[in-house]
N, C-alpha and C. Protein backbone atom coordinates (compact mmCIF):
# COMPACT_ATOMS: atom_id res chain seq x y z
N UNK A 1 326.93 190.09 154.13
CA UNK A 1 327.20 190.58 152.80
C UNK A 1 326.00 191.39 152.31
N UNK A 2 326.27 192.49 151.65
CA UNK A 2 325.18 193.32 151.16
C UNK A 2 324.55 192.68 149.92
N UNK A 3 323.36 193.15 149.63
CA UNK A 3 322.61 192.65 148.49
C UNK A 3 322.62 193.71 147.39
N UNK A 4 322.92 193.28 146.17
CA UNK A 4 323.00 194.19 145.01
C UNK A 4 321.82 193.94 144.09
N UNK A 5 321.19 195.03 143.62
CA UNK A 5 320.13 194.92 142.62
C UNK A 5 320.33 196.03 141.60
N UNK A 6 319.89 195.78 140.38
CA UNK A 6 319.96 196.78 139.32
C UNK A 6 318.54 197.22 138.97
N UNK A 7 318.38 198.52 138.72
CA UNK A 7 317.08 199.08 138.36
C UNK A 7 317.28 199.99 137.15
N UNK A 8 316.35 199.90 136.21
CA UNK A 8 316.33 200.82 135.09
C UNK A 8 315.53 202.03 135.53
N UNK A 9 316.09 203.20 135.41
CA UNK A 9 315.42 204.42 135.87
C UNK A 9 314.47 204.92 134.77
N UNK A 10 313.18 204.94 135.07
CA UNK A 10 312.22 205.41 134.07
C UNK A 10 312.24 206.94 133.96
N UNK A 11 311.54 207.46 132.98
CA UNK A 11 311.49 208.92 132.79
C UNK A 11 310.94 209.64 134.01
N UNK A 12 310.07 209.00 134.77
CA UNK A 12 309.50 209.62 135.97
C UNK A 12 310.53 209.80 137.08
N UNK A 13 311.64 209.07 136.98
CA UNK A 13 312.73 209.10 137.97
C UNK A 13 312.31 208.56 139.34
N UNK A 14 311.20 207.83 139.40
CA UNK A 14 310.72 207.22 140.65
C UNK A 14 310.72 205.70 140.50
N UNK A 15 311.21 205.03 141.53
CA UNK A 15 311.29 203.57 141.51
C UNK A 15 310.73 203.05 142.82
N UNK A 16 309.80 202.10 142.75
CA UNK A 16 309.29 201.46 143.97
C UNK A 16 310.38 200.60 144.56
N UNK A 17 310.61 200.79 145.86
CA UNK A 17 311.69 200.09 146.53
C UNK A 17 311.30 199.96 148.00
N UNK A 18 311.08 198.75 148.50
CA UNK A 18 310.55 198.56 149.85
C UNK A 18 311.52 198.93 150.97
N UNK A 19 312.83 198.87 150.70
CA UNK A 19 313.79 199.23 151.74
C UNK A 19 314.74 200.31 151.26
N UNK A 20 315.26 201.07 152.20
CA UNK A 20 316.17 202.17 151.87
C UNK A 20 317.52 201.62 151.44
N UNK A 21 318.04 202.11 150.31
CA UNK A 21 319.36 201.67 149.86
C UNK A 21 320.48 202.21 150.74
N UNK A 22 321.57 201.49 150.72
CA UNK A 22 322.78 201.96 151.37
C UNK A 22 323.55 202.86 150.41
N UNK A 23 323.69 202.40 149.16
CA UNK A 23 324.37 203.16 148.11
C UNK A 23 323.55 203.11 146.84
N UNK A 24 323.63 204.18 146.07
CA UNK A 24 323.05 204.21 144.73
C UNK A 24 324.16 204.65 143.79
N UNK A 25 324.35 203.90 142.72
CA UNK A 25 325.42 204.19 141.77
C UNK A 25 324.85 204.17 140.36
N UNK A 26 325.16 205.19 139.58
CA UNK A 26 324.78 205.21 138.17
C UNK A 26 325.79 204.36 137.41
N UNK A 27 325.29 203.41 136.65
CA UNK A 27 326.17 202.56 135.85
C UNK A 27 326.64 203.36 134.64
N UNK A 28 327.94 203.40 134.45
CA UNK A 28 328.51 204.13 133.33
C UNK A 28 328.35 203.28 132.07
N UNK A 29 327.62 203.80 131.08
CA UNK A 29 327.43 203.02 129.84
C UNK A 29 328.74 202.85 129.08
N UNK A 30 328.74 201.91 128.17
CA UNK A 30 329.91 201.61 127.35
C UNK A 30 331.10 201.13 128.17
N UNK A 31 330.80 200.51 129.31
CA UNK A 31 331.86 199.99 130.15
C UNK A 31 332.14 198.56 129.71
N UNK A 32 333.38 198.21 129.42
CA UNK A 32 333.68 196.89 128.86
C UNK A 32 333.42 195.70 129.78
N UNK A 33 333.24 195.91 131.09
CA UNK A 33 333.04 194.74 131.94
C UNK A 33 331.58 194.46 132.24
N UNK A 34 330.66 195.24 131.66
CA UNK A 34 329.25 195.02 131.94
C UNK A 34 328.49 194.70 130.67
N UNK A 35 327.30 194.15 130.86
CA UNK A 35 326.42 193.90 129.73
C UNK A 35 326.92 192.79 128.81
N UNK A 36 326.15 192.50 127.84
CA UNK A 36 326.46 191.44 126.89
C UNK A 36 327.65 191.83 126.02
N UNK A 37 327.61 193.04 125.48
CA UNK A 37 328.69 193.46 124.59
C UNK A 37 329.33 194.76 125.08
N UNK A 38 329.10 195.11 126.33
CA UNK A 38 329.68 196.33 126.86
C UNK A 38 328.91 197.58 126.49
N UNK A 39 327.71 197.43 125.95
CA UNK A 39 326.94 198.61 125.54
C UNK A 39 325.54 198.59 126.17
N UNK A 40 325.51 198.71 127.49
CA UNK A 40 324.23 198.70 128.20
C UNK A 40 323.44 199.95 127.85
N UNK A 41 324.08 201.12 127.96
CA UNK A 41 323.45 202.38 127.62
C UNK A 41 322.07 202.54 128.23
N UNK A 42 321.10 202.93 127.41
CA UNK A 42 319.75 203.17 127.92
C UNK A 42 318.79 202.06 127.54
N UNK A 43 319.31 200.85 127.32
CA UNK A 43 318.49 199.72 126.92
C UNK A 43 317.92 199.00 128.15
N UNK A 44 316.61 199.09 128.37
CA UNK A 44 316.01 198.44 129.55
C UNK A 44 315.99 196.92 129.46
N UNK A 45 316.33 196.36 128.28
CA UNK A 45 316.30 194.92 128.10
C UNK A 45 317.63 194.23 128.45
N UNK A 46 318.70 195.01 128.60
CA UNK A 46 320.00 194.43 128.94
C UNK A 46 320.35 194.84 130.37
N UNK A 47 320.17 193.94 131.31
CA UNK A 47 320.49 194.24 132.70
C UNK A 47 321.99 194.16 132.90
N UNK A 48 322.59 195.25 133.40
CA UNK A 48 324.03 195.20 133.63
C UNK A 48 324.38 194.31 134.81
N UNK A 49 325.57 193.82 134.83
CA UNK A 49 326.05 193.09 136.00
C UNK A 49 327.56 193.17 135.99
N UNK A 50 328.11 193.20 137.16
CA UNK A 50 329.55 193.20 137.31
C UNK A 50 329.94 191.80 137.70
N UNK A 51 330.99 191.26 137.11
CA UNK A 51 331.35 189.86 137.34
C UNK A 51 331.63 189.54 138.80
N UNK A 52 331.92 190.55 139.59
CA UNK A 52 332.31 190.27 140.97
C UNK A 52 331.35 190.88 141.98
N UNK A 53 330.06 191.02 141.64
CA UNK A 53 329.09 191.58 142.58
C UNK A 53 328.99 190.78 143.87
N UNK A 54 329.28 189.50 143.81
CA UNK A 54 329.16 188.65 144.99
C UNK A 54 330.41 188.70 145.87
N UNK A 55 331.47 189.32 145.41
CA UNK A 55 332.74 189.40 146.15
C UNK A 55 332.69 190.59 147.10
N UNK A 56 332.72 190.33 148.40
CA UNK A 56 332.61 191.40 149.39
C UNK A 56 333.85 192.28 149.45
N UNK A 57 334.93 191.89 148.81
CA UNK A 57 336.16 192.68 148.84
C UNK A 57 336.36 193.49 147.57
N UNK A 58 335.36 193.54 146.71
CA UNK A 58 335.46 194.28 145.47
C UNK A 58 334.29 195.23 145.35
N UNK A 59 334.54 196.40 144.86
CA UNK A 59 333.48 197.35 144.58
C UNK A 59 333.80 198.03 143.25
N UNK A 60 332.79 198.39 142.49
CA UNK A 60 333.04 199.10 141.24
C UNK A 60 333.76 200.41 141.53
N UNK A 61 334.60 200.83 140.61
CA UNK A 61 335.35 202.06 140.79
C UNK A 61 334.55 203.27 140.34
N UNK A 62 334.59 204.31 141.17
CA UNK A 62 333.93 205.58 140.87
C UNK A 62 334.59 206.19 139.64
N UNK A 63 333.79 206.67 138.71
CA UNK A 63 334.21 207.29 137.45
C UNK A 63 334.78 206.29 136.44
N UNK A 64 334.84 205.01 136.79
CA UNK A 64 335.30 204.03 135.81
C UNK A 64 334.19 203.04 135.49
N UNK A 65 333.60 202.43 136.51
CA UNK A 65 332.51 201.47 136.31
C UNK A 65 331.16 202.11 136.62
N UNK A 66 331.12 202.93 137.66
CA UNK A 66 329.89 203.56 138.12
C UNK A 66 330.19 204.97 138.58
N UNK A 67 329.12 205.72 138.81
CA UNK A 67 329.25 207.03 139.43
C UNK A 67 328.49 206.94 140.75
N UNK A 68 329.22 207.00 141.88
CA UNK A 68 328.58 206.93 143.19
C UNK A 68 327.76 208.20 143.40
N UNK A 69 326.49 208.03 143.68
CA UNK A 69 325.58 209.17 143.86
C UNK A 69 325.44 209.52 145.34
N UNK A 70 325.29 210.80 145.63
CA UNK A 70 325.14 211.27 147.01
C UNK A 70 323.68 211.24 147.41
N UNK A 71 323.44 210.71 148.60
CA UNK A 71 322.09 210.73 149.13
C UNK A 71 321.72 212.19 149.39
N UNK A 72 320.50 212.53 149.18
CA UNK A 72 319.90 213.85 149.31
C UNK A 72 320.19 214.69 148.06
N UNK A 73 321.46 214.82 147.66
CA UNK A 73 321.81 215.62 146.49
C UNK A 73 321.37 214.94 145.19
N UNK A 74 321.55 213.61 145.09
CA UNK A 74 321.26 212.89 143.85
C UNK A 74 320.11 211.89 143.97
N UNK A 75 319.79 211.48 145.19
CA UNK A 75 318.68 210.54 145.37
C UNK A 75 318.13 210.64 146.79
N UNK A 76 316.87 210.31 146.93
CA UNK A 76 316.24 210.22 148.25
C UNK A 76 315.38 208.97 148.26
N UNK A 77 315.09 208.51 149.45
CA UNK A 77 314.20 207.37 149.61
C UNK A 77 313.20 207.75 150.69
N UNK A 78 311.92 207.54 150.39
CA UNK A 78 310.88 207.84 151.36
C UNK A 78 309.67 206.98 151.07
N UNK A 79 309.15 206.38 152.10
CA UNK A 79 307.90 205.62 152.02
C UNK A 79 307.84 204.66 150.84
N UNK A 80 308.91 203.89 150.66
CA UNK A 80 308.92 202.84 149.64
C UNK A 80 309.24 203.29 148.24
N UNK A 81 309.72 204.52 148.08
CA UNK A 81 310.05 205.01 146.74
C UNK A 81 311.41 205.69 146.74
N UNK A 82 312.20 205.33 145.74
CA UNK A 82 313.47 206.01 145.51
C UNK A 82 313.23 207.07 144.44
N UNK A 83 313.65 208.26 144.73
CA UNK A 83 313.60 209.36 143.76
C UNK A 83 315.02 209.62 143.31
N UNK A 84 315.27 209.52 142.02
CA UNK A 84 316.60 209.65 141.45
C UNK A 84 316.65 210.92 140.61
N UNK A 85 317.55 211.82 140.94
CA UNK A 85 317.64 213.07 140.19
C UNK A 85 319.08 213.50 139.97
N UNK A 86 319.93 212.54 139.71
CA UNK A 86 321.34 212.81 139.48
C UNK A 86 321.55 213.63 138.22
N UNK A 87 322.47 214.58 138.30
CA UNK A 87 322.84 215.36 137.13
C UNK A 87 323.82 214.59 136.25
N UNK A 88 324.39 213.51 136.80
CA UNK A 88 325.34 212.70 136.03
C UNK A 88 324.65 211.99 134.87
N UNK A 89 323.36 211.80 134.99
CA UNK A 89 322.62 211.06 133.96
C UNK A 89 321.53 211.95 133.38
N UNK A 90 321.70 212.33 132.16
CA UNK A 90 320.70 213.18 131.49
C UNK A 90 319.60 212.34 130.84
N UNK A 91 319.91 211.12 130.50
CA UNK A 91 318.96 210.24 129.81
C UNK A 91 318.58 209.08 130.72
N UNK A 92 317.87 208.12 130.16
CA UNK A 92 317.51 206.92 130.90
C UNK A 92 318.78 206.14 131.22
N UNK A 93 318.87 205.61 132.42
CA UNK A 93 320.08 204.91 132.84
C UNK A 93 319.73 203.72 133.73
N UNK A 94 320.73 202.89 133.94
CA UNK A 94 320.66 201.82 134.92
C UNK A 94 321.35 202.31 136.19
N UNK A 95 320.82 201.91 137.34
CA UNK A 95 321.50 202.19 138.59
C UNK A 95 321.77 200.87 139.31
N UNK A 96 322.87 200.85 140.01
CA UNK A 96 323.27 199.70 140.83
C UNK A 96 322.98 200.11 142.27
N UNK A 97 322.14 199.34 142.94
CA UNK A 97 321.70 199.69 144.29
C UNK A 97 322.19 198.62 145.26
N UNK A 98 322.80 199.09 146.33
CA UNK A 98 323.30 198.18 147.36
C UNK A 98 322.46 198.37 148.62
N UNK A 99 321.97 197.26 149.14
CA UNK A 99 321.15 197.31 150.34
C UNK A 99 321.95 196.84 151.55
N UNK A 100 321.57 197.30 152.70
CA UNK A 100 322.32 197.09 153.94
C UNK A 100 322.47 195.63 154.32
N UNK A 101 323.54 195.38 155.05
CA UNK A 101 323.86 194.06 155.55
C UNK A 101 324.16 194.13 157.04
N UNK A 102 323.54 195.07 157.73
CA UNK A 102 323.84 195.30 159.13
C UNK A 102 324.79 196.46 159.31
N UNK A 103 325.37 196.94 158.22
CA UNK A 103 326.27 198.09 158.25
C UNK A 103 325.54 199.29 157.67
N UNK A 104 325.78 200.45 158.24
CA UNK A 104 325.12 201.67 157.79
C UNK A 104 326.16 202.65 157.26
N UNK A 105 325.70 203.63 156.52
CA UNK A 105 326.55 204.64 155.90
C UNK A 105 327.20 205.50 156.98
N UNK A 106 328.53 205.50 157.04
CA UNK A 106 329.27 206.26 158.04
C UNK A 106 329.04 207.76 157.89
N UNK A 107 328.93 208.24 156.67
CA UNK A 107 328.71 209.68 156.44
C UNK A 107 327.44 210.16 157.12
N UNK A 108 326.38 209.35 157.06
CA UNK A 108 325.13 209.72 157.72
C UNK A 108 325.31 209.82 159.23
N UNK A 109 326.05 208.87 159.80
CA UNK A 109 326.31 208.88 161.25
C UNK A 109 327.13 210.11 161.63
N UNK A 110 328.16 210.39 160.84
CA UNK A 110 329.04 211.53 161.13
C UNK A 110 328.24 212.83 161.16
N UNK A 111 327.40 213.04 160.14
CA UNK A 111 326.65 214.30 160.05
C UNK A 111 325.53 214.38 161.08
N UNK A 112 324.70 213.35 161.12
CA UNK A 112 323.49 213.44 161.93
C UNK A 112 323.70 213.19 163.42
N UNK A 113 324.67 212.36 163.77
CA UNK A 113 324.85 212.01 165.18
C UNK A 113 326.04 212.69 165.84
N UNK A 114 327.12 212.90 165.07
CA UNK A 114 328.33 213.52 165.64
C UNK A 114 328.42 215.00 165.30
N UNK A 115 327.67 215.44 164.30
CA UNK A 115 327.72 216.84 163.89
C UNK A 115 329.00 217.21 163.18
N UNK A 116 329.65 216.24 162.56
CA UNK A 116 330.92 216.46 161.88
C UNK A 116 330.81 216.09 160.40
N UNK A 117 331.67 216.69 159.61
CA UNK A 117 331.85 216.29 158.23
C UNK A 117 332.38 214.86 158.23
N UNK A 118 332.01 214.08 157.23
CA UNK A 118 332.42 212.67 157.18
C UNK A 118 333.94 212.50 157.19
N UNK A 119 334.65 213.32 156.44
CA UNK A 119 336.11 213.20 156.38
C UNK A 119 336.75 213.51 157.73
N UNK A 120 336.21 214.50 158.42
CA UNK A 120 336.72 214.87 159.74
C UNK A 120 336.45 213.75 160.75
N UNK A 121 335.24 213.24 160.75
CA UNK A 121 334.85 212.20 161.70
C UNK A 121 335.60 210.89 161.44
N UNK A 122 335.88 210.59 160.17
CA UNK A 122 336.57 209.35 159.83
C UNK A 122 337.99 209.30 160.41
N UNK A 123 338.57 210.43 160.68
CA UNK A 123 339.92 210.47 161.28
C UNK A 123 339.92 209.85 162.67
N UNK A 124 338.77 209.81 163.31
CA UNK A 124 338.66 209.22 164.65
C UNK A 124 338.56 207.70 164.62
N UNK A 125 338.33 207.11 163.47
CA UNK A 125 338.18 205.65 163.39
C UNK A 125 339.50 204.96 163.74
N UNK A 126 340.57 205.28 163.03
CA UNK A 126 341.88 204.65 163.28
C UNK A 126 342.88 205.60 163.93
N UNK A 127 342.48 206.86 164.07
CA UNK A 127 343.38 207.87 164.61
C UNK A 127 344.14 208.55 163.50
N UNK A 128 344.55 209.78 163.76
CA UNK A 128 345.24 210.57 162.75
C UNK A 128 346.06 211.63 163.47
N UNK A 129 347.24 211.88 162.97
CA UNK A 129 348.09 212.92 163.57
C UNK A 129 348.82 213.67 162.46
N UNK A 130 348.84 214.97 162.61
CA UNK A 130 349.56 215.81 161.65
C UNK A 130 350.16 216.99 162.41
N UNK A 131 351.41 217.28 162.12
CA UNK A 131 352.09 218.38 162.78
C UNK A 131 352.76 219.29 161.76
N UNK A 132 352.74 220.57 162.07
CA UNK A 132 353.51 221.56 161.32
C UNK A 132 354.30 222.36 162.35
N UNK A 133 354.99 223.37 161.92
CA UNK A 133 355.74 224.21 162.85
C UNK A 133 354.83 224.95 163.82
N UNK A 134 353.60 225.22 163.39
CA UNK A 134 352.69 226.04 164.19
C UNK A 134 351.58 225.28 164.89
N UNK A 135 351.25 224.10 164.40
CA UNK A 135 350.09 223.40 164.95
C UNK A 135 350.31 221.88 164.95
N UNK A 136 349.68 221.24 165.91
CA UNK A 136 349.70 219.78 165.98
C UNK A 136 348.26 219.29 166.12
N UNK A 137 347.82 218.50 165.17
CA UNK A 137 346.46 217.95 165.20
C UNK A 137 346.54 216.48 165.59
N UNK A 138 345.76 216.10 166.57
CA UNK A 138 345.73 214.71 167.02
C UNK A 138 344.28 214.24 167.11
N UNK A 139 344.00 213.19 166.39
CA UNK A 139 342.69 212.54 166.45
C UNK A 139 342.92 211.15 167.03
N UNK A 140 342.47 210.89 168.25
CA UNK A 140 342.70 209.57 168.83
C UNK A 140 341.90 208.49 168.10
N UNK A 141 342.39 207.27 168.15
CA UNK A 141 341.70 206.13 167.53
C UNK A 141 340.53 205.74 168.42
N UNK A 142 339.33 206.11 168.01
CA UNK A 142 338.13 205.84 168.81
C UNK A 142 337.31 204.68 168.26
N UNK A 143 337.77 204.08 167.19
CA UNK A 143 337.03 202.97 166.58
C UNK A 143 337.50 201.60 167.00
N UNK A 144 338.45 201.54 167.92
CA UNK A 144 338.99 200.24 168.34
C UNK A 144 337.89 199.34 168.89
N UNK A 145 337.89 198.09 168.41
CA UNK A 145 336.91 197.10 168.87
C UNK A 145 335.55 197.21 168.20
N UNK A 146 335.38 198.18 167.31
CA UNK A 146 334.11 198.36 166.61
C UNK A 146 334.25 197.84 165.18
N UNK A 147 333.12 197.53 164.57
CA UNK A 147 333.13 196.94 163.23
C UNK A 147 332.88 197.99 162.15
N UNK A 148 333.83 198.07 161.23
CA UNK A 148 333.75 198.98 160.10
C UNK A 148 333.99 198.18 158.82
N UNK A 149 333.45 198.68 157.71
CA UNK A 149 333.75 198.14 156.38
C UNK A 149 334.22 199.29 155.53
N UNK A 150 335.33 199.08 154.85
CA UNK A 150 335.90 200.13 154.03
C UNK A 150 337.05 200.81 154.76
N UNK A 151 337.68 201.74 154.09
CA UNK A 151 338.83 202.45 154.65
C UNK A 151 338.42 203.86 155.05
N UNK A 152 338.85 204.30 156.24
CA UNK A 152 338.51 205.66 156.68
C UNK A 152 338.96 206.75 155.71
N UNK A 153 340.03 206.52 154.96
CA UNK A 153 340.49 207.53 154.00
C UNK A 153 339.48 207.68 152.85
N UNK A 154 338.70 206.67 152.59
CA UNK A 154 337.62 206.73 151.60
C UNK A 154 336.30 206.85 152.36
N UNK A 155 336.19 207.94 153.13
CA UNK A 155 335.10 208.07 154.11
C UNK A 155 333.70 207.96 153.52
N UNK A 156 333.51 208.33 152.27
CA UNK A 156 332.16 208.27 151.69
C UNK A 156 331.75 206.85 151.32
N UNK A 157 332.68 205.91 151.40
CA UNK A 157 332.38 204.51 151.17
C UNK A 157 332.49 203.70 152.46
N UNK A 158 332.83 204.37 153.55
CA UNK A 158 332.99 203.72 154.85
C UNK A 158 331.63 203.40 155.45
N UNK A 159 331.55 202.24 156.10
CA UNK A 159 330.31 201.84 156.78
C UNK A 159 330.66 201.37 158.18
N UNK A 160 329.72 201.51 159.08
CA UNK A 160 329.87 201.08 160.46
C UNK A 160 328.71 200.16 160.80
N UNK A 161 328.97 199.13 161.60
CA UNK A 161 327.89 198.21 161.96
C UNK A 161 326.87 198.95 162.82
N UNK A 162 325.59 198.71 162.53
CA UNK A 162 324.52 199.43 163.23
C UNK A 162 324.56 199.22 164.74
N UNK A 163 325.05 198.09 165.21
CA UNK A 163 325.14 197.84 166.65
C UNK A 163 326.30 198.59 167.31
N UNK A 164 327.21 199.16 166.51
CA UNK A 164 328.36 199.89 167.04
C UNK A 164 328.22 201.40 166.93
N UNK A 165 327.16 201.86 166.29
CA UNK A 165 326.98 203.30 166.08
C UNK A 165 326.93 204.07 167.39
N UNK A 166 326.08 203.65 168.33
CA UNK A 166 325.93 204.40 169.58
C UNK A 166 327.24 204.50 170.35
N UNK A 167 328.02 203.42 170.37
CA UNK A 167 329.30 203.44 171.09
C UNK A 167 330.30 204.37 170.42
N UNK A 168 330.36 204.35 169.09
CA UNK A 168 331.28 205.24 168.40
C UNK A 168 330.88 206.70 168.63
N UNK A 169 329.59 207.00 168.51
CA UNK A 169 329.10 208.36 168.74
C UNK A 169 329.42 208.80 170.17
N UNK A 170 329.21 207.91 171.15
CA UNK A 170 329.51 208.23 172.55
C UNK A 170 330.98 208.60 172.71
N UNK A 171 331.86 207.82 172.10
CA UNK A 171 333.31 208.08 172.20
C UNK A 171 333.69 209.42 171.57
N UNK A 172 333.13 209.70 170.40
CA UNK A 172 333.45 210.96 169.72
C UNK A 172 332.94 212.15 170.52
N UNK A 173 331.71 212.09 170.97
CA UNK A 173 331.14 213.19 171.76
C UNK A 173 331.91 213.40 173.04
N UNK A 174 332.29 212.32 173.70
CA UNK A 174 333.08 212.43 174.93
C UNK A 174 334.42 213.12 174.64
N UNK A 175 335.07 212.74 173.57
CA UNK A 175 336.36 213.36 173.20
C UNK A 175 336.17 214.84 172.87
N UNK A 176 335.18 215.16 172.05
CA UNK A 176 334.95 216.55 171.65
C UNK A 176 334.60 217.42 172.86
N UNK A 177 333.88 216.85 173.81
CA UNK A 177 333.55 217.58 175.04
C UNK A 177 334.82 217.81 175.86
N UNK A 178 335.66 216.79 175.95
CA UNK A 178 336.91 216.87 176.71
C UNK A 178 337.84 217.96 176.19
N UNK A 179 337.91 218.10 174.86
CA UNK A 179 338.82 219.10 174.29
C UNK A 179 338.14 220.48 174.12
N UNK A 180 336.89 220.57 174.55
CA UNK A 180 336.18 221.86 174.49
C UNK A 180 335.63 222.22 173.12
N UNK A 181 335.45 221.24 172.28
CA UNK A 181 334.94 221.48 170.93
C UNK A 181 333.41 221.45 170.89
N UNK A 182 332.78 221.07 171.97
CA UNK A 182 331.30 221.07 172.02
C UNK A 182 330.80 222.01 173.08
């Protein structure tokens, strides 16, 4: 199970953090399920919490409870510091940070190891097929027997177990080589 922590983002937008986060989410203020009275806003004294943070089958909804931030575009982590520069938050905010539990961000694997867009690469997890009058697209199921968390259709929230990354990458590269795509 992943570990959740909340951090108040100071004006400097830098937070000391010993390990790299898996996800960073801006907590949407005035949300009725968080805080003492639902008005966390920019108050550093009221730590937000979601009633089901400990439930591995529940995650806050994007644009309803939190705003999922993109790594590199909205935040980076280097040498023990998280730099937060999301445009979603103009003022001081709380962020919900999820740390790894042996699973890594699938989008990072897709881009850096497979050379594919996350949505394209996620089609190989369970397989995908689409046909029209002119074209037939087939993505074989290459994720069989490997450990994933999340749904491939929600590829930006999909995670793969770190011990299965090399095997998945091997399968994808082998397939792409076979069809002449590499």
